[in-house]
Amino acid sequence: MTDLNLMSPAARSAAMRGGMDGWGQVGGLPGQIRYHEPVDSKSRRLCGCGCRRRATHRGMANGVCLTMGCDLSMRRWVKEANHG
C-alpha cells in the first residue's frame, strides 16, 4: 500500500476523499478525484489550451498523470470533473 506521508498534499487529499483502490495503476475513471501538481522545471512543454505558455502543472487522478497544461487550464480541468 502507498504511504500517505510520502504523497504531496494534493495527492493525499484526493486519496482521502476518493479512496486508495488501484492507486497509481488506473486513472480517469468516473468517481475518481482529480487534482493538479507542479511539474519539474526541466520537463516543460507548451500548454494545449491556446495560451502559448509552458505546461507548468500536470493533471492527475488516482496517482496517474493524465494531462499537462498551464496552471489555469489544470485548475479548470480539475473543477470541471470534481464539481460537475
N, C-alpha and C. Protein backbone atom coordinates (compact mmCIF):
# COMPACT_ATOMS: atom_id res chain seq x y z
N MET A 1 0.84 -1.18 0.00
CA MET A 1 0.00 0.00 0.00
C MET A 1 0.89 1.25 0.00
N THR A 2 0.42 2.29 -0.60
CA THR A 2 1.15 3.54 -0.71
C THR A 2 1.14 4.28 0.63
N ASP A 3 2.28 4.85 1.00
CA ASP A 3 2.40 5.60 2.25
C ASP A 3 1.86 7.01 2.05
N LEU A 4 0.85 7.37 2.83
CA LEU A 4 0.24 8.69 2.70
C LEU A 4 1.20 9.81 3.08
N ASN A 5 2.16 9.53 3.95
CA ASN A 5 3.10 10.57 4.38
C ASN A 5 4.06 10.99 3.27
N LEU A 6 4.25 10.15 2.26
CA LEU A 6 5.16 10.46 1.16
C LEU A 6 4.47 11.20 0.01
N MET A 7 3.16 11.33 0.06
CA MET A 7 2.40 11.98 -1.02
C MET A 7 2.41 13.49 -0.86
N SER A 8 2.20 14.17 -1.99
CA SER A 8 2.02 15.62 -1.95
C SER A 8 0.69 15.93 -1.25
N PRO A 9 0.51 17.14 -0.74
CA PRO A 9 -0.76 17.48 -0.09
C PRO A 9 -1.98 17.29 -1.00
N ALA A 10 -1.86 17.65 -2.27
CA ALA A 10 -2.98 17.48 -3.20
C ALA A 10 -3.30 16.01 -3.41
N ALA A 11 -2.28 15.18 -3.57
CA ALA A 11 -2.50 13.74 -3.77
C ALA A 11 -3.08 13.10 -2.51
N ARG A 12 -2.59 13.51 -1.36
CA ARG A 12 -3.10 12.96 -0.10
C ARG A 12 -4.57 13.32 0.09
N SER A 13 -4.94 14.55 -0.24
CA SER A 13 -6.33 14.98 -0.14
C SER A 13 -7.22 14.17 -1.08
N ALA A 14 -6.77 13.97 -2.32
CA ALA A 14 -7.55 13.18 -3.28
C ALA A 14 -7.68 11.74 -2.83
N ALA A 15 -6.62 11.18 -2.25
CA ALA A 15 -6.65 9.80 -1.78
C ALA A 15 -7.62 9.65 -0.61
N MET A 16 -7.65 10.62 0.28
CA MET A 16 -8.54 10.54 1.43
C MET A 16 -10.00 10.73 1.02
N ARG A 17 -10.26 11.54 -0.01
CA ARG A 17 -11.63 11.77 -0.46
C ARG A 17 -12.13 10.66 -1.38
N GLY A 18 -11.25 10.14 -2.24
CA GLY A 18 -11.70 9.19 -3.25
C GLY A 18 -11.35 7.74 -2.98
N GLY A 19 -10.50 7.47 -2.03
CA GLY A 19 -10.11 6.10 -1.73
C GLY A 19 -8.81 5.73 -2.41
N MET A 20 -8.22 4.64 -1.97
CA MET A 20 -6.90 4.21 -2.44
C MET A 20 -6.98 2.99 -3.37
N ASP A 21 -8.16 2.60 -3.79
CA ASP A 21 -8.30 1.43 -4.66
C ASP A 21 -7.61 1.66 -5.99
N GLY A 22 -6.64 0.84 -6.33
CA GLY A 22 -5.92 0.94 -7.60
C GLY A 22 -5.06 2.17 -7.71
N TRP A 23 -4.61 2.74 -6.59
CA TRP A 23 -3.83 3.98 -6.61
C TRP A 23 -2.54 3.79 -7.41
N GLY A 24 -2.32 4.66 -8.38
CA GLY A 24 -1.12 4.62 -9.20
C GLY A 24 -1.18 3.63 -10.35
N GLN A 25 -2.30 2.96 -10.53
CA GLN A 25 -2.42 1.97 -11.60
C GLN A 25 -3.44 2.37 -12.65
N VAL A 26 -4.60 2.87 -12.22
CA VAL A 26 -5.66 3.23 -13.14
C VAL A 26 -6.15 4.62 -12.79
N GLY A 27 -6.19 5.51 -13.76
CA GLY A 27 -6.67 6.87 -13.51
C GLY A 27 -7.68 7.30 -14.55
N GLY A 28 -8.54 8.24 -14.18
CA GLY A 28 -9.50 8.80 -15.13
C GLY A 28 -10.85 8.13 -15.15
N LEU A 29 -11.10 7.22 -14.23
CA LEU A 29 -12.41 6.56 -14.18
C LEU A 29 -13.41 7.47 -13.49
N PRO A 30 -14.70 7.31 -13.80
CA PRO A 30 -15.71 8.13 -13.13
C PRO A 30 -15.66 7.91 -11.62
N GLY A 31 -15.80 8.99 -10.88
CA GLY A 31 -15.78 8.91 -9.43
C GLY A 31 -14.42 9.12 -8.80
N GLN A 32 -13.35 9.16 -9.60
CA GLN A 32 -12.02 9.43 -9.06
C GLN A 32 -11.81 10.94 -8.96
N ILE A 33 -11.14 11.35 -7.91
CA ILE A 33 -10.91 12.77 -7.66
C ILE A 33 -9.72 13.25 -8.48
N ARG A 34 -9.93 14.33 -9.23
CA ARG A 34 -8.84 14.93 -10.00
C ARG A 34 -8.13 15.99 -9.17
N TYR A 35 -6.85 16.16 -9.42
CA TYR A 35 -6.06 17.20 -8.76
C TYR A 35 -4.90 17.56 -9.66
N HIS A 36 -4.20 18.65 -9.34
CA HIS A 36 -3.06 19.04 -10.16
C HIS A 36 -1.85 19.31 -9.28
N GLU A 37 -0.67 19.06 -9.85
CA GLU A 37 0.60 19.24 -9.16
C GLU A 37 1.57 19.96 -10.09
N PRO A 38 2.52 20.69 -9.54
CA PRO A 38 3.53 21.33 -10.38
C PRO A 38 4.47 20.32 -11.04
N VAL A 39 5.00 20.69 -12.19
CA VAL A 39 5.92 19.84 -12.95
C VAL A 39 7.35 20.31 -12.68
N ASP A 40 8.31 19.41 -12.73
CA ASP A 40 9.71 19.80 -12.62
C ASP A 40 10.04 20.81 -13.71
N SER A 41 10.88 21.77 -13.38
CA SER A 41 11.16 22.86 -14.31
C SER A 41 11.91 22.40 -15.56
N LYS A 42 12.53 21.25 -15.52
CA LYS A 42 13.30 20.77 -16.67
C LYS A 42 12.41 20.18 -17.77
N SER A 43 11.27 19.64 -17.40
CA SER A 43 10.44 18.93 -18.37
C SER A 43 9.13 19.67 -18.61
N ARG A 44 9.21 20.75 -19.35
CA ARG A 44 8.00 21.52 -19.65
C ARG A 44 7.81 21.63 -21.15
N ARG A 45 6.61 21.35 -21.58
CA ARG A 45 6.25 21.54 -22.98
C ARG A 45 5.23 22.66 -23.04
N LEU A 46 4.74 22.99 -24.22
CA LEU A 46 3.76 24.06 -24.35
C LEU A 46 2.38 23.56 -23.96
N CYS A 47 1.60 24.45 -23.38
CA CYS A 47 0.25 24.14 -22.95
C CYS A 47 -0.65 23.97 -24.18
N GLY A 48 -1.63 23.09 -24.07
CA GLY A 48 -2.53 22.82 -25.18
C GLY A 48 -3.79 23.65 -25.19
N CYS A 49 -3.94 24.59 -24.24
CA CYS A 49 -5.19 25.37 -24.16
C CYS A 49 -5.20 26.56 -25.11
N GLY A 50 -4.06 26.88 -25.71
CA GLY A 50 -4.01 28.00 -26.63
C GLY A 50 -3.40 29.25 -26.04
N CYS A 51 -2.95 29.20 -24.81
CA CYS A 51 -2.37 30.39 -24.17
C CYS A 51 -0.92 30.61 -24.59
N ARG A 52 -0.31 29.65 -25.25
CA ARG A 52 1.07 29.71 -25.75
C ARG A 52 2.09 29.85 -24.61
N ARG A 53 1.74 29.34 -23.44
CA ARG A 53 2.65 29.33 -22.30
C ARG A 53 3.16 27.92 -22.07
N ARG A 54 4.08 27.78 -21.12
CA ARG A 54 4.62 26.47 -20.77
C ARG A 54 3.64 25.68 -19.91
N ALA A 55 3.68 24.38 -20.05
CA ALA A 55 2.87 23.49 -19.23
C ALA A 55 3.57 23.34 -17.88
N THR A 56 3.09 24.07 -16.90
CA THR A 56 3.75 24.11 -15.59
C THR A 56 3.14 23.14 -14.58
N HIS A 57 1.99 22.53 -14.91
CA HIS A 57 1.32 21.62 -13.99
C HIS A 57 0.85 20.37 -14.73
N ARG A 58 0.69 19.30 -13.97
CA ARG A 58 0.16 18.06 -14.54
C ARG A 58 -1.17 17.74 -13.87
N GLY A 59 -2.11 17.27 -14.67
CA GLY A 59 -3.41 16.87 -14.16
C GLY A 59 -3.38 15.40 -13.79
N MET A 60 -3.75 15.10 -12.55
CA MET A 60 -3.63 13.75 -12.02
C MET A 60 -5.00 13.24 -11.56
N ALA A 61 -5.16 11.93 -11.58
CA ALA A 61 -6.31 11.26 -10.99
C ALA A 61 -5.83 9.89 -10.51
N ASN A 62 -6.06 9.61 -9.25
CA ASN A 62 -5.71 8.31 -8.66
C ASN A 62 -4.21 8.02 -8.76
N GLY A 63 -3.39 9.07 -8.70
CA GLY A 63 -1.94 8.89 -8.74
C GLY A 63 -1.36 8.70 -10.12
N VAL A 64 -2.16 8.92 -11.16
CA VAL A 64 -1.71 8.74 -12.54
C VAL A 64 -1.83 10.07 -13.27
N CYS A 65 -0.77 10.47 -13.97
CA CYS A 65 -0.78 11.72 -14.74
C CYS A 65 -1.61 11.50 -16.01
N LEU A 66 -2.62 12.35 -16.19
CA LEU A 66 -3.50 12.22 -17.36
C LEU A 66 -3.27 13.30 -18.39
N THR A 67 -2.85 14.49 -17.97
CA THR A 67 -2.67 15.61 -18.89
C THR A 67 -1.69 16.61 -18.30
N MET A 68 -1.23 17.52 -19.13
CA MET A 68 -0.35 18.60 -18.68
C MET A 68 -0.83 19.91 -19.28
N GLY A 69 -0.62 21.02 -18.55
CA GLY A 69 -1.02 22.32 -19.05
C GLY A 69 -0.60 23.42 -18.11
N CYS A 70 -1.00 24.64 -18.44
CA CYS A 70 -0.70 25.77 -17.56
C CYS A 70 -1.55 25.66 -16.29
N ASP A 71 -1.23 26.47 -15.30
CA ASP A 71 -1.94 26.41 -14.02
C ASP A 71 -3.43 26.64 -14.21
N LEU A 72 -3.81 27.64 -14.99
CA LEU A 72 -5.22 27.95 -15.18
C LEU A 72 -5.96 26.81 -15.87
N SER A 73 -5.39 26.23 -16.91
CA SER A 73 -6.08 25.14 -17.61
C SER A 73 -6.23 23.91 -16.72
N MET A 74 -5.24 23.64 -15.86
CA MET A 74 -5.34 22.49 -14.96
C MET A 74 -6.36 22.75 -13.86
N ARG A 75 -6.45 23.99 -13.38
CA ARG A 75 -7.48 24.30 -12.38
C ARG A 75 -8.87 24.12 -12.98
N ARG A 76 -9.06 24.54 -14.23
CA ARG A 76 -10.36 24.35 -14.91
C ARG A 76 -10.65 22.88 -15.12
N TRP A 77 -9.64 22.10 -15.50
CA TRP A 77 -9.79 20.67 -15.73
C TRP A 77 -10.23 19.97 -14.45
N VAL A 78 -9.62 20.33 -13.33
CA VAL A 78 -9.97 19.74 -12.03
C VAL A 78 -11.39 20.15 -11.63
N LYS A 79 -11.70 21.42 -11.76
CA LYS A 79 -13.01 21.93 -11.35
C LYS A 79 -14.14 21.31 -12.17
N GLU A 80 -13.91 21.14 -13.47
CA GLU A 80 -14.92 20.57 -14.36
C GLU A 80 -15.33 19.17 -13.92
N ALA A 81 -14.36 18.36 -13.53
CA ALA A 81 -14.66 16.98 -13.17
C ALA A 81 -15.18 16.84 -11.75
N ASN A 82 -14.62 17.60 -10.82
CA ASN A 82 -14.97 17.42 -9.42
C ASN A 82 -16.26 18.11 -9.01
N HIS A 83 -16.68 19.12 -9.77
CA HIS A 83 -17.88 19.85 -9.40
C HIS A 83 -19.00 19.70 -10.41
N GLY A 84 -18.77 18.92 -11.43
CA GLY A 84 -19.79 18.61 -12.39
C GLY A 84 -20.06 19.64 -13.40
